[in-house]
PDB file of N, CA and C in Angstrom:
ATOM      1  N   MET A   1     -11.529   5.430  23.493  1.00  0.00           N
ATOM      2  CA  MET A   1     -11.665   4.867  22.156  1.00  0.00           C
ATOM      3  C   MET A   1     -10.400   5.127  21.329  1.00  0.00           C
ATOM      4  N   LYS A   2      -9.759   6.267  21.601  1.00  0.00           N
ATOM      5  CA  LYS A   2      -8.547   6.610  20.853  1.00  0.00           C
ATOM      6  C   LYS A   2      -7.444   5.583  21.105  1.00  0.00           C
ATOM      7  N   LYS A   3      -7.306   5.144  22.357  1.00  0.00           N
ATOM      8  CA  LYS A   3      -6.286   4.148  22.684  1.00  0.00           C
ATOM      9  C   LYS A   3      -6.585   2.824  21.974  1.00  0.00           C
ATOM     10  N   LEU A   4      -7.856   2.463  21.910  1.00  0.00           N
ATOM     11  CA  LEU A   4      -8.257   1.240  21.217  1.00  0.00           C
ATOM     12  C   LEU A   4      -7.886   1.313  19.741  1.00  0.00           C
ATOM     13  N   ILE A   5      -8.154   2.434  19.109  1.00  0.00           N
ATOM     14  CA  ILE A   5      -7.869   2.586  17.678  1.00  0.00           C
ATOM     15  C   ILE A   5      -6.369   2.503  17.420  1.00  0.00           C
ATOM     16  N   ILE A   6      -5.588   3.196  18.232  1.00  0.00           N
ATOM     17  CA  ILE A   6      -4.137   3.189  18.042  1.00  0.00           C
ATOM     18  C   ILE A   6      -3.565   1.789  18.271  1.00  0.00           C
ATOM     19  N   THR A   7      -3.981   1.136  19.352  1.00  0.00           N
ATOM     20  CA  THR A   7      -3.494  -0.210  19.651  1.00  0.00           C
ATOM     21  C   THR A   7      -3.916  -1.191  18.560  1.00  0.00           C
ATOM     22  N   TYR A   8      -5.148  -1.075  18.089  1.00  0.00           N
ATOM     23  CA  TYR A   8      -5.671  -1.933  17.025  1.00  0.00           C
ATOM     24  C   TYR A   8      -4.839  -1.749  15.756  1.00  0.00           C
ATOM     25  N   LEU A   9      -4.559  -0.506  15.379  1.00  0.00           N
ATOM     26  CA  LEU A   9      -3.773  -0.251  14.170  1.00  0.00           C
ATOM     27  C   LEU A   9      -2.337  -0.747  14.308  1.00  0.00           C
ATOM     28  N   ILE A  10      -1.760  -0.622  15.498  1.00  0.00           N
ATOM     29  CA  ILE A  10      -0.406  -1.147  15.718  1.00  0.00           C
ATOM     30  C   ILE A  10      -0.408  -2.669  15.578  1.00  0.00           C
ATOM     31  N   ALA A  11      -1.393  -3.319  16.210  1.00  0.00           N
ATOM     32  CA  ALA A  11      -1.489  -4.785  16.111  1.00  0.00           C
ATOM     33  C   ALA A  11      -1.717  -5.216  14.666  1.00  0.00           C
ATOM     34  N   LEU A  12      -2.563  -4.494  13.954  1.00  0.00           N
ATOM     35  CA  LEU A  12      -2.828  -4.804  12.550  1.00  0.00           C
ATOM     36  C   LEU A  12      -1.560  -4.651  11.710  1.00  0.00           C
ATOM     37  N   SER A  13      -0.790  -3.622  11.969  1.00  0.00           N
ATOM     38  CA  SER A  13       0.467  -3.406  11.236  1.00  0.00           C
ATOM     39  C   SER A  13       1.476  -4.508  11.521  1.00  0.00           C
ATOM     40  N   VAL A  14       1.622  -4.872  12.784  1.00  0.00           N
ATOM     41  CA  VAL A  14       2.559  -5.935  13.158  1.00  0.00           C
ATOM     42  C   VAL A  14       2.141  -7.263  12.518  1.00  0.00           C
ATOM     43  N   LEU A  15       0.859  -7.568  12.567  1.00  0.00           N
ATOM     44  CA  LEU A  15       0.368  -8.804  11.950  1.00  0.00           C
ATOM     45  C   LEU A  15       0.615  -8.802  10.440  1.00  0.00           C
ATOM     46  N   THR A  16       0.392  -7.672   9.811  1.00  0.00           N
ATOM     47  CA  THR A  16       0.579  -7.580   8.363  1.00  0.00           C
ATOM     48  C   THR A  16       2.041  -7.782   7.990  1.00  0.00           C
ATOM     49  N   ILE A  17       2.920  -7.086   8.673  1.00  0.00           N
ATOM     50  CA  ILE A  17       4.350  -7.228   8.388  1.00  0.00           C
ATOM     51  C   ILE A  17       4.802  -8.657   8.670  1.00  0.00           C
ATOM     52  N   GLY A  18       4.363  -9.209   9.798  1.00  0.00           N
ATOM     53  CA  GLY A  18       4.749 -10.576  10.155  1.00  0.00           C
ATOM     54  C   GLY A  18       4.251 -11.610   9.171  1.00  0.00           C
ATOM     55  N   SER A  19       3.006 -11.493   8.750  1.00  0.00           N
ATOM     56  CA  SER A  19       2.460 -12.487   7.826  1.00  0.00           C
ATOM     57  C   SER A  19       3.087 -12.377   6.443  1.00  0.00           C
ATOM     58  N   VAL A  20       3.324 -11.169   5.979  1.00  0.00           N
ATOM     59  CA  VAL A  20       3.952 -10.999   4.664  1.00  0.00           C
ATOM     60  C   VAL A  20       5.381 -11.551   4.690  1.00  0.00           C
ATOM     61  N   LEU A  21       6.134 -11.215   5.732  1.00  0.00           N
ATOM     62  CA  LEU A  21       7.503 -11.725   5.824  1.00  0.00           C
ATOM     63  C   LEU A  21       7.533 -13.247   5.962  1.00  0.00           C
ATOM     64  N   ALA A  22       6.664 -13.781   6.804  1.00  0.00           N
ATOM     65  CA  ALA A  22       6.639 -15.236   7.006  1.00  0.00           C
ATOM     66  C   ALA A  22       6.285 -15.965   5.717  1.00  0.00           C
ATOM     67  N   LEU A  23       5.309 -15.455   4.996  1.00  0.00           N
ATOM     68  CA  LEU A  23       4.906 -16.134   3.766  1.00  0.00           C
ATOM     69  C   LEU A  23       5.877 -15.881   2.618  1.00  0.00           C
ATOM     70  N   ARG A  24       6.423 -14.695   2.524  1.00  0.00           N
ATOM     71  CA  ARG A  24       7.375 -14.393   1.434  1.00  0.00           C
ATOM     72  C   ARG A  24       8.702 -15.112   1.630  1.00  0.00           C
ATOM     73  N   ILE A  25       9.188 -15.150   2.883  1.00  0.00           N
ATOM     74  CA  ILE A  25      10.492 -15.749   3.147  1.00  0.00           C
ATOM     75  C   ILE A  25      10.376 -17.244   3.449  1.00  0.00           C
ATOM     76  N   GLY A  26       9.443 -17.597   4.325  1.00  0.00           N
ATOM     77  CA  GLY A  26       9.326 -18.983   4.761  1.00  0.00           C
ATOM     78  C   GLY A  26       8.623 -19.906   3.786  1.00  0.00           C
ATOM     79  N   TRP A  27       7.510 -19.449   3.233  1.00  0.00           N
ATOM     80  CA  TRP A  27       6.699 -20.289   2.334  1.00  0.00           C
ATOM     81  C   TRP A  27       6.254 -19.489   1.121  1.00  0.00           C
ATOM     82  N   PRO A  28       7.178 -19.113   0.252  1.00  0.00           N
ATOM     83  CA  PRO A  28       6.799 -18.269  -0.889  1.00  0.00           C
ATOM     84  C   PRO A  28       5.795 -18.924  -1.840  1.00  0.00           C
ATOM     85  N   ASP A  29       5.795 -20.243  -1.906  1.00  0.00           N
ATOM     86  CA  ASP A  29       4.839 -20.907  -2.790  1.00  0.00           C
ATOM     87  C   ASP A  29       3.420 -20.885  -2.219  1.00  0.00           C
ATOM     88  N   GLN A  30       3.280 -20.553  -0.930  1.00  0.00           N
ATOM     89  CA  GLN A  30       1.960 -20.491  -0.292  1.00  0.00           C
ATOM     90  C   GLN A  30       1.431 -19.065  -0.161  1.00  0.00           C
ATOM     91  N   TYR A  31       2.125 -18.084  -0.729  1.00  0.00           N
ATOM     92  CA  TYR A  31       1.722 -16.683  -0.596  1.00  0.00           C
ATOM     93  C   TYR A  31       0.485 -16.409  -1.450  1.00  0.00           C
ATOM     94  N   PRO A  32      -0.661 -16.094  -0.810  1.00  0.00           N
ATOM     95  CA  PRO A  32      -1.867 -15.788  -1.592  1.00  0.00           C
ATOM     96  C   PRO A  32      -1.719 -14.442  -2.300  1.00  0.00           C
ATOM     97  N   SER A  33      -2.128 -14.396  -3.539  1.00  0.00           N
ATOM     98  CA  SER A  33      -1.966 -13.160  -4.316  1.00  0.00           C
ATOM     99  C   SER A  33      -2.830 -12.025  -3.759  1.00  0.00           C
ATOM    100  N   LEU A  34      -3.918 -12.353  -3.099  1.00  0.00           N
ATOM    101  CA  LEU A  34      -4.815 -11.326  -2.548  1.00  0.00           C
ATOM    102  C   LEU A  34      -4.699 -11.214  -1.027  1.00  0.00           C
ATOM    103  N   LEU A  35      -3.499 -11.397  -0.514  1.00  0.00           N
ATOM    104  CA  LEU A  35      -3.284 -11.315   0.924  1.00  0.00           C
ATOM    105  C   LEU A  35      -3.621  -9.933   1.481  1.00  0.00           C
ATOM    106  N   PHE A  36      -3.485  -8.898   0.661  1.00  0.00           N
ATOM    107  CA  PHE A  36      -3.767  -7.536   1.109  1.00  0.00           C
ATOM    108  C   PHE A  36      -5.227  -7.340   1.525  1.00  0.00           C
ATOM    109  N   ILE A  37      -6.098  -8.251   1.107  1.00  0.00           N
ATOM    110  CA  ILE A  37      -7.521  -8.146   1.471  1.00  0.00           C
ATOM    111  C   ILE A  37      -7.709  -8.323   2.979  1.00  0.00           C
ATOM    112  N   ILE A  38      -6.874  -9.120   3.601  1.00  0.00           N
ATOM    113  CA  ILE A  38      -7.041  -9.405   5.033  1.00  0.00           C
ATOM    114  C   ILE A  38      -6.836  -8.150   5.880  1.00  0.00           C
ATOM    115  N   PRO A  39      -5.698  -7.445   5.779  1.00  0.00           N
ATOM    116  CA  PRO A  39      -5.581  -6.229   6.583  1.00  0.00           C
ATOM    117  C   PRO A  39      -6.590  -5.152   6.187  1.00  0.00           C
ATOM    118  N   LEU A  40      -6.947  -5.125   4.912  1.00  0.00           N
ATOM    119  CA  LEU A  40      -7.970  -4.179   4.465  1.00  0.00           C
ATOM    120  C   LEU A  40      -9.310  -4.476   5.138  1.00  0.00           C
ATOM    121  N   PHE A  41      -9.672  -5.749   5.218  1.00  0.00           N
ATOM    122  CA  PHE A  41     -10.915  -6.149   5.877  1.00  0.00           C
ATOM    123  C   PHE A  41     -10.923  -5.695   7.336  1.00  0.00           C
ATOM    124  N   TYR A  42      -9.819  -5.922   8.031  1.00  0.00           N
ATOM    125  CA  TYR A  42      -9.772  -5.560   9.449  1.00  0.00           C
ATOM    126  C   TYR A  42      -9.686  -4.054   9.658  1.00  0.00           C
ATOM    127  N   ALA A  43      -9.148  -3.317   8.709  1.00  0.00           N
ATOM    128  CA  ALA A  43      -9.189  -1.853   8.787  1.00  0.00           C
ATOM    129  C   ALA A  43     -10.630  -1.370   8.628  1.00  0.00           C
ATOM    130  N   VAL A  44     -11.366  -1.987   7.718  1.00  0.00           N
ATOM    131  CA  VAL A  44     -12.784  -1.660   7.558  1.00  0.00           C
ATOM    132  C   VAL A  44     -13.557  -2.036   8.825  1.00  0.00           C
ATOM    133  N   MET A  45     -13.202  -3.158   9.433  1.00  0.00           N
ATOM    134  CA  MET A  45     -13.865  -3.573  10.677  1.00  0.00           C
ATOM    135  C   MET A  45     -13.620  -2.567  11.799  1.00  0.00           C
ATOM    136  N   LEU A  46     -12.481  -1.902  11.792  1.00  0.00           N
ATOM    137  CA  LEU A  46     -12.217  -0.846  12.768  1.00  0.00           C
ATOM    138  C   LEU A  46     -13.206   0.303  12.565  1.00  0.00           C
ATOM    139  N   GLY A  47     -13.456   0.654  11.322  1.00  0.00           N
ATOM    140  CA  GLY A  47     -14.464   1.678  11.020  1.00  0.00           C
ATOM    141  C   GLY A  47     -15.852   1.254  11.435  1.00  0.00           C
ATOM    142  N   VAL A  48     -16.182  -0.010  11.196  1.00  0.00           N
ATOM    143  CA  VAL A  48     -17.483  -0.541  11.618  1.00  0.00           C
ATOM    144  C   VAL A  48     -17.595  -0.486  13.143  1.00  0.00           C
ATOM    145  N   MET A  49     -16.498  -0.795  13.827  1.00  0.00           N
ATOM    146  CA  MET A  49     -16.496  -0.751  15.288  1.00  0.00           C
ATOM    147  C   MET A  49     -16.800   0.662  15.783  1.00  0.00           C
ATOM    148  N   VAL A  50     -16.149   1.650  15.191  1.00  0.00           N
ATOM    149  CA  VAL A  50     -16.354   3.034  15.600  1.00  0.00           C
ATOM    150  C   VAL A  50     -17.803   3.450  15.337  1.00  0.00           C
ATOM    151  N   LEU A  51     -18.335   3.103  14.169  1.00  0.00           N
ATOM    152  CA  LEU A  51     -19.726   3.455  13.853  1.00  0.00           C
ATOM    153  C   LEU A  51     -20.713   2.798  14.812  1.00  0.00           C
ATOM    154  N   LEU A  52     -20.505   1.522  15.113  1.00  0.00           N
ATOM    155  CA  LEU A  52     -21.401   0.836  16.045  1.00  0.00           C
ATOM    156  C   LEU A  52     -21.303   1.422  17.450  1.00  0.00           C
ATOM    157  N   LYS A  53     -20.103   1.794  17.857  1.00  0.00           N
ATOM    158  CA  LYS A  53     -19.922   2.381  19.192  1.00  0.00           C
ATOM    159  C   LYS A  53     -20.621   3.728  19.282  1.00  0.00           C
ATOM    160  N   ARG A  54     -20.470   4.556  18.282  1.00  0.00           N
ATOM    161  CA  ARG A  54     -21.158   5.861  18.272  1.00  0.00           C
ATOM    162  C   ARG A  54     -22.665   5.696  18.261  1.00  0.00           C
ATOM    163  N   SER A  55     -23.144   4.768  17.453  1.00  0.00           N
ATOM    164  CA  SER A  55     -24.579   4.508  17.400  1.00  0.00           C
ATOM    165  C   SER A  55     -25.090   4.015  18.740  1.00  0.00           C
ATOM    166  N   ASN A  56     -24.347   3.146  19.374  1.00  0.00           N
ATOM    167  CA  ASN A  56     -24.722   2.608  20.677  1.00  0.00           C
ATOM    168  C   ASN A  56     -24.765   3.719  21.735  1.00  0.00           C
ATOM    169  N   GLU A  57     -23.781   4.606  21.704  1.00  0.00           N
ATOM    170  CA  GLU A  57     -23.726   5.710  22.664  1.00  0.00           C
ATOM    171  C   GLU A  57     -24.854   6.700  22.433  1.00  0.00           C
ATOM    172  N   ARG A  58     -25.184   6.983  21.164  1.00  0.00           N
ATOM    173  CA  ARG A  58     -26.290   7.897  20.857  1.00  0.00           C
ATOM    174  C   ARG A  58     -27.621   7.364  21.372  1.00  0.00           C
ATOM    175  N   LYS A  59     -27.792   6.055  21.272  1.00  0.00           N
ATOM    176  CA  LYS A  59     -29.034   5.438  21.732  1.00  0.00           C
ATOM    177  C   LYS A  59     -29.047   5.234  23.244  1.00  0.00           C
ATOM    178  N   GLY A  60     -27.912   5.441  23.890  1.00  0.00           N
ATOM    179  CA  GLY A  60     -27.825   5.305  25.337  1.00  0.00           C
ATOM    180  C   GLY A  60     -27.885   3.869  25.835  1.00  0.00           C
ATOM    181  N   LYS A  61     -27.458   2.941  25.008  1.00  0.00           N
ATOM    182  CA  LYS A  61     -27.494   1.530  25.399  1.00  0.00           C
ATOM    183  C   LYS A  61     -26.242   1.159  26.183  1.00  0.00           C
ATOM    184  N   ASP A  62     -26.330   0.038  26.870  1.00  0.00           N
ATOM    185  CA  ASP A  62     -25.225  -0.479  27.669  1.00  0.00           C
ATOM    186  C   ASP A  62     -24.043  -0.858  26.765  1.00  0.00           C
ATOM    187  N   ARG A  63     -22.821  -0.760  27.287  1.00  0.00           N
ATOM    188  CA  ARG A  63     -21.625  -1.109  26.521  1.00  0.00           C
ATOM    189  C   ARG A  63     -21.604  -2.574  26.109  1.00  0.00           C
ATOM    190  N   SER A  64     -22.184  -3.422  26.914  1.00  0.00           N
ATOM    191  CA  SER A  64     -22.179  -4.850  26.577  1.00  0.00           C
ATOM    192  C   SER A  64     -22.989  -5.115  25.311  1.00  0.00           C
ATOM    193  N   ILE A  65     -24.015  -4.310  25.056  1.00  0.00           N
ATOM    194  CA  ILE A  65     -24.802  -4.453  23.821  1.00  0.00           C
ATOM    195  C   ILE A  65     -23.920  -4.137  22.614  1.00  0.00           C
ATOM    196  N   PHE A  66     -23.113  -3.091  22.734  1.00  0.00           N
ATOM    197  CA  PHE A  66     -22.183  -2.761  21.649  1.00  0.00           C
ATOM    198  C   PHE A  66     -21.216  -3.913  21.402  1.00  0.00           C
ATOM    199  N   PHE A  67     -20.645  -4.434  22.478  1.00  0.00           N
ATOM    200  CA  PHE A  67     -19.660  -5.501  22.354  1.00  0.00           C
ATOM    201  C   PHE A  67     -20.267  -6.722  21.676  1.00  0.00           C
ATOM    202  N   LEU A  68     -21.459  -7.119  22.088  1.00  0.00           N
ATOM    203  CA  LEU A  68     -22.119  -8.283  21.485  1.00  0.00           C
ATOM    204  C   LEU A  68     -22.494  -8.023  20.027  1.00  0.00           C
ATOM    205  N   THR A  69     -23.005  -6.840  19.744  1.00  0.00           N
ATOM    206  CA  THR A  69     -23.380  -6.490  18.369  1.00  0.00           C
ATOM    207  C   THR A  69     -22.161  -6.503  17.458  1.00  0.00           C
ATOM    208  N   TYR A  70     -21.081  -5.910  17.951  1.00  0.00           N
ATOM    209  CA  TYR A  70     -19.861  -5.857  17.146  1.00  0.00           C
ATOM    210  C   TYR A  70     -19.333  -7.255  16.850  1.00  0.00           C
ATOM    211  N   ARG A  71     -19.348  -8.123  17.845  1.00  0.00           N
ATOM    212  CA  ARG A  71     -18.843  -9.492  17.637  1.00  0.00           C
ATOM    213  C   ARG A  71     -19.679 -10.245  16.605  1.00  0.00           C
ATOM    214  N   VAL A  72     -20.991 -10.094  16.655  1.00  0.00           N
ATOM    215  CA  VAL A  72     -21.864 -10.769  15.689  1.00  0.00           C
ATOM    216  C   VAL A  72     -21.619 -10.229  14.287  1.00  0.00           C
ATOM    217  N   VAL A  73     -21.542  -8.912  14.146  1.00  0.00           N
ATOM    218  CA  VAL A  73     -21.291  -8.300  12.829  1.00  0.00           C
ATOM    219  C   VAL A  73     -19.931  -8.738  12.299  1.00  0.00           C
ATOM    220  N   LYS A  74     -18.943  -8.773  13.163  1.00  0.00           N
ATOM    221  CA  LYS A  74     -17.584  -9.154  12.748  1.00  0.00           C
ATOM    222  C   LYS A  74     -17.541 -10.593  12.234  1.00  0.00           C
ATOM    223  N   ILE A  75     -18.151 -11.512  12.942  1.00  0.00           N
ATOM    224  CA  ILE A  75     -18.108 -12.917  12.514  1.00  0.00           C
ATOM    225  C   ILE A  75     -18.906 -13.115  11.218  1.00  0.00           C
ATOM    226  N   LEU A  76     -20.034 -12.438  11.087  1.00  0.00           N
ATOM    227  CA  LEU A  76     -20.821 -12.570   9.857  1.00  0.00           C
ATOM    228  C   LEU A  76     -20.072 -12.012   8.647  1.00  0.00           C
ATOM    229  N   LEU A  77     -19.454 -10.847   8.803  1.00  0.00           N
ATOM    230  CA  LEU A  77     -18.692 -10.281   7.692  1.00  0.00           C
ATOM    231  C   LEU A  77     -17.453 -11.114   7.377  1.00  0.00           C
ATOM    232  N   ALA A  78     -16.848 -11.712   8.384  1.00  0.00           N
ATOM    233  CA  ALA A  78     -15.699 -12.588   8.150  1.00  0.00           C
ATOM    234  C   ALA A  78     -16.117 -13.820   7.349  1.00  0.00           C
ATOM    235  N   ILE A  79     -17.242 -14.403   7.700  1.00  0.00           N
ATOM    236  CA  ILE A  79     -17.740 -15.572   6.959  1.00  0.00           C
ATOM    237  C   ILE A  79     -18.050 -15.197   5.516  1.00  0.00           C
ATOM    238  N   VAL A  80     -18.682 -14.050   5.316  1.00  0.00           N
ATOM    239  CA  VAL A  80     -18.994 -13.594   3.960  1.00  0.00           C
ATOM    240  C   VAL A  80     -17.713 -13.412   3.152  1.00  0.00           C
ATOM    241  N   LEU A  81     -16.707 -12.771   3.743  1.00  0.00           N
ATOM    242  CA  LEU A  81     -15.440 -12.575   3.034  1.00  0.00           C
ATOM    243  C   LEU A  81     -14.800 -13.899   2.652  1.00  0.00           C
ATOM    244  N   LEU A  82     -14.766 -14.839   3.588  1.00  0.00           N
ATOM    245  CA  LEU A  82     -14.153 -16.144   3.294  1.00  0.00           C
ATOM    246  C   LEU A  82     -14.906 -16.885   2.197  1.00  0.00           C
ATOM    247  N   VAL A  83     -16.219 -16.869   2.248  1.00  0.00           N
ATOM    248  CA  VAL A  83     -17.015 -17.554   1.224  1.00  0.00           C
ATOM    249  C   VAL A  83     -16.787 -16.920  -0.146  1.00  0.00           C
ATOM    250  N   VAL A  84     -16.792 -15.596  -0.190  1.00  0.00           N
ATOM    251  CA  VAL A  84     -16.562 -14.906  -1.464  1.00  0.00           C
ATOM    252  C   VAL A  84     -15.157 -15.207  -1.988  1.00  0.00           C
ATOM    253  N   TYR A  85     -14.163 -15.151  -1.113  1.00  0.00           N
ATOM    254  CA  TYR A  85     -12.790 -15.449  -1.540  1.00  0.00           C
ATOM    255  C   TYR A  85     -12.676 -16.882  -2.051  1.00  0.00           C
ATOM    256  N   PHE A  86     -13.229 -17.823  -1.311  1.00  0.00           N
ATOM    257  CA  PHE A  86     -13.121 -19.230  -1.699  1.00  0.00           C
ATOM    258  C   PHE A  86     -13.806 -19.502  -3.029  1.00  0.00           C
ATOM    259  N   THR A  87     -14.943 -18.884  -3.275  1.00  0.00           N
ATOM    260  CA  THR A  87     -15.639 -19.132  -4.540  1.00  0.00           C
ATOM    261  C   THR A  87     -15.031 -18.346  -5.702  1.00  0.00           C
ATOM    262  N   ALA A  88     -14.536 -17.158  -5.446  1.00  0.00           N
ATOM    263  CA  ALA A  88     -14.015 -16.317  -6.527  1.00  0.00           C
ATOM    264  C   ALA A  88     -12.585 -16.664  -6.901  1.00  0.00           C
ATOM    265  N   VAL A  89     -11.731 -16.919  -5.922  1.00  0.00           N
ATOM    266  CA  VAL A  89     -10.308 -17.113  -6.202  1.00  0.00           C
ATOM    267  C   VAL A  89      -9.984 -18.588  -6.401  1.00  0.00           C
ATOM    268  N   GLY A  90     -10.248 -19.396  -5.397  1.00  0.00           N
ATOM    269  CA  GLY A  90     -10.060 -20.831  -5.518  1.00  0.00           C
ATOM    270  C   GLY A  90      -8.625 -21.338  -5.454  1.00  0.00           C
ATOM    271  N   THR A  91      -7.652 -20.481  -5.154  1.00  0.00           N
ATOM    272  CA  THR A  91      -6.269 -20.927  -5.014  1.00  0.00           C
ATOM    273  C   THR A  91      -5.711 -20.482  -3.672  1.00  0.00           C
ATOM    274  N   GLN A  92      -4.777 -21.253  -3.154  1.00  0.00           N
ATOM    275  CA  GLN A  92      -4.148 -20.994  -1.861  1.00  0.00           C
ATOM    276  C   GLN A  92      -5.182 -20.731  -0.767  1.00  0.00           C
ATOM    277  N   LEU A  93      -6.213 -21.552  -0.751  1.00  0.00           N
ATOM    278  CA  LEU A  93      -7.306 -21.364   0.203  1.00  0.00           C
ATOM    279  C   LEU A  93      -6.851 -21.602   1.635  1.00  0.00           C
ATOM    280  N   LEU A  94      -6.068 -22.647   1.854  1.00  0.00           N
ATOM    281  CA  LEU A  94      -5.655 -22.966   3.214  1.00  0.00           C
ATOM    282  C   LEU A  94      -4.769 -21.876   3.810  1.00  0.00           C
ATOM    283  N   SER A  95      -3.795 -21.403   3.049  1.00  0.00           N
ATOM    284  CA  SER A  95      -2.910 -20.370   3.587  1.00  0.00           C
ATOM    285  C   SER A  95      -3.676 -19.073   3.847  1.00  0.00           C
ATOM    286  N   PHE A  96      -4.604 -18.718   2.963  1.00  0.00           N
ATOM    287  CA  PHE A  96      -5.420 -17.521   3.178  1.00  0.00           C
ATOM    288  C   PHE A  96      -6.266 -17.678   4.432  1.00  0.00           C
ATOM    289  N   ALA A  97      -6.905 -18.830   4.586  1.00  0.00           N
ATOM    290  CA  ALA A  97      -7.767 -19.058   5.743  1.00  0.00           C
ATOM    291  C   ALA A  97      -6.979 -19.067   7.048  1.00  0.00           C
ATOM    292  N   VAL A  98      -5.797 -19.663   7.042  1.00  0.00           N
ATOM    293  CA  VAL A  98      -4.973 -19.710   8.256  1.00  0.00           C
ATOM    294  C   VAL A  98      -4.533 -18.302   8.652  1.00  0.00           C
ATOM    295  N   VAL A  99      -4.053 -17.538   7.696  1.00  0.00           N
ATOM    296  CA  VAL A  99      -3.632 -16.164   7.998  1.00  0.00           C
ATOM    297  C   VAL A  99      -4.828 -15.335   8.464  1.00  0.00           C
ATOM    298  N   PHE A 100      -5.964 -15.505   7.823  1.00  0.00           N
ATOM    299  CA  PHE A 100      -7.173 -14.776   8.206  1.00  0.00           C
ATOM    300  C   PHE A 100      -7.566 -15.101   9.648  1.00  0.00           C
ATOM    301  N   MET A 101      -7.508 -16.357  10.016  1.00  0.00           N
ATOM    302  CA  MET A 101      -7.878 -16.753  11.381  1.00  0.00           C
ATOM    303  C   MET A 101      -6.856 -16.272  12.413  1.00  0.00           C
ATOM    304  N   ILE A 102      -5.581 -16.218  12.046  1.00  0.00           N
ATOM    305  CA  ILE A 102      -4.573 -15.669  12.955  1.00  0.00           C
ATOM    306  C   ILE A 102      -4.874 -14.197  13.227  1.00  0.00           C
ATOM    307  N   TYR A 103      -5.180 -13.456  12.171  1.00  0.00           N
ATOM    308  CA  TYR A 103      -5.590 -12.058  12.350  1.00  0.00           C
ATOM    309  C   TYR A 103      -6.820 -11.987  13.255  1.00  0.00           C
ATOM    310  N   TYR A 104      -7.809 -12.815  12.968  1.00  0.00           N
ATOM    311  CA  TYR A 104      -9.071 -12.775  13.712  1.00  0.00           C
ATOM    312  C   TYR A 104      -8.827 -13.012  15.195  1.00  0.00           C
ATOM    313  N   LEU A 105      -8.073 -14.037  15.522  1.00  0.00           N
ATOM    314  CA  LEU A 105      -7.822 -14.365  16.923  1.00  0.00           C
ATOM    315  C   LEU A 105      -6.991 -13.299  17.623  1.00  0.00           C
ATOM    316  N   CYS A 106      -5.939 -12.838  16.972  1.00  0.00           N
ATOM    317  CA  CYS A 106      -5.076 -11.821  17.593  1.00  0.00           C
ATOM    318  C   CYS A 106      -5.818 -10.499  17.807  1.00  0.00           C
ATOM    319  N   LEU A 107      -6.528 -10.049  16.796  1.00  0.00           N
ATOM    320  CA  LEU A 107      -7.241  -8.784  16.933  1.00  0.00           C
ATOM    321  C   LEU A 107      -8.430  -8.902  17.884  1.00  0.00           C
ATOM    322  N   SER A 108      -9.059 -10.063  17.939  1.00  0.00           N
ATOM    323  CA  SER A 108     -10.132 -10.268  18.920  1.00  0.00           C
ATOM    324  C   SER A 108      -9.583 -10.217  20.342  1.00  0.00           C
ATOM    325  N   ALA A 109      -8.387 -10.766  20.535  1.00  0.00           N
ATOM    326  CA  ALA A 109      -7.757 -10.709  21.858  1.00  0.00           C
ATOM    327  C   ALA A 109      -7.443  -9.263  22.237  1.00  0.00           C
ATOM    328  N   VAL A 110      -6.911  -8.497  21.299  1.00  0.00           N
ATOM    329  CA  VAL A 110      -6.610  -7.083  21.563  1.00  0.00           C
ATOM    330  C   VAL A 110      -7.897  -6.330  21.909  1.00  0.00           C
ATOM    331  N   GLU A 111      -8.944  -6.531  21.116  1.00  0.00           N
ATOM    332  CA  GLU A 111     -10.220  -5.864  21.373  1.00  0.00           C
ATOM    333  C   GLU A 111     -10.769  -6.237  22.739  1.00  0.00           C
ATOM    334  N   THR A 112     -10.741  -7.510  23.070  1.00  0.00           N
ATOM    335  CA  THR A 112     -11.297  -7.981  24.332  1.00  0.00           C
ATOM    336  C   THR A 112     -10.568  -7.368  25.520  1.00  0.00           C
ATOM    337  N   VAL A 113      -9.249  -7.363  25.465  1.00  0.00           N
ATOM    338  CA  VAL A 113      -8.461  -6.783  26.569  1.00  0.00           C
ATOM    339  C   VAL A 113      -8.789  -5.300  26.713  1.00  0.00           C
ATOM    340  N   LEU A 114      -8.825  -4.588  25.616  1.00  0.00           N
ATOM    341  CA  LEU A 114      -9.094  -3.148  25.697  1.00  0.00           C
ATOM    342  C   LEU A 114     -10.531  -2.855  26.095  1.00  0.00           C
ATOM    343  N   PHE A 115     -11.481  -3.662  25.638  1.00  0.00           N
ATOM    344  CA  PHE A 115     -12.872  -3.486  26.069  1.00  0.00           C
ATOM    345  C   PHE A 115     -13.027  -3.750  27.560  1.00  0.00           C
ATOM    346  N   MET A 116     -12.325  -4.774  28.051  1.00  0.00           N
ATOM    347  CA  MET A 116     -12.400  -5.097  29.489  1.00  0.00           C
ATOM    348  C   MET A 116     -11.804  -3.969  30.306  1.00  0.00           C
ATOM    349  N   LYS A 117     -10.690  -3.394  29.866  1.00  0.00           N
ATOM    350  CA  LYS A 117     -10.102  -2.261  30.580  1.00  0.00           C
ATOM    351  C   LYS A 117     -11.053  -1.073  30.559  1.00  0.00           C
ATOM    352  N   GLY A 118     -11.741  -0.866  29.434  1.00  0.00           N
ATOM    353  CA  GLY A 118     -12.731   0.205  29.337  1.00  0.00           C
ATOM    354  C   GLY A 118     -13.906   0.005  30.272  1.00  0.00           C
ATOM    355  N   GLU A 119     -14.322  -1.231  30.436  1.00  0.00           N
ATOM    356  CA  GLU A 119     -15.427  -1.544  31.358  1.00  0.00           C
ATOM    357  C   GLU A 119     -15.036  -1.290  32.800  1.00  0.00           C
ATOM    358  N   LYS A 120     -13.799  -1.595  33.147  1.00  0.00           N
ATOM    359  CA  LYS A 120     -13.338  -1.381  34.528  1.00  0.00           C
ATOM    360  C   LYS A 120     -13.297   0.104  34.864  1.00  0.00           C
ATOM    361  N   LYS A 121     -12.917   0.930  33.872  1.00  0.00           N
ATOM    362  CA  LYS A 121     -12.866   2.370  34.089  1.00  0.00           C
ATOM    363  C   LYS A 121     -14.257   2.971  34.153  1.00  0.00           C
ATOM    364  N   GLY A 122     -15.147   2.503  33.247  1.00  0.00           N
ATOM    365  CA  GLY A 122     -16.488   3.085  33.128  1.00  0.00           C
ATOM    366  C   GLY A 122     -17.414   2.426  34.029  1.00  0.00           C
TER     367      GLY A 122
END
């Protein structure tokens, strides 16, 4: 789990630096004022992942149950965040949504690869 957390945080940092630089330098007029919410959301999702994994292990359930539960919780919380952002802010919606989905896809790929490696070991 420690390797997953470290790799996840590295990927999150790289994505954050890349998205801020790309939007600030390449498309400054498309920079959402609340862009910091995206990495914050995924940092919170890392905490949710750890809590769900511990809960799953305490109950003695299969790892696949954790993986499925985490994916459902992640997509539901992502939808809630997007809906709240779209209704509350109402500006630069497309750029926020595109950056959010890039984070979602990249971090999901990192999680999937690391979960698969964990399954092969366990």
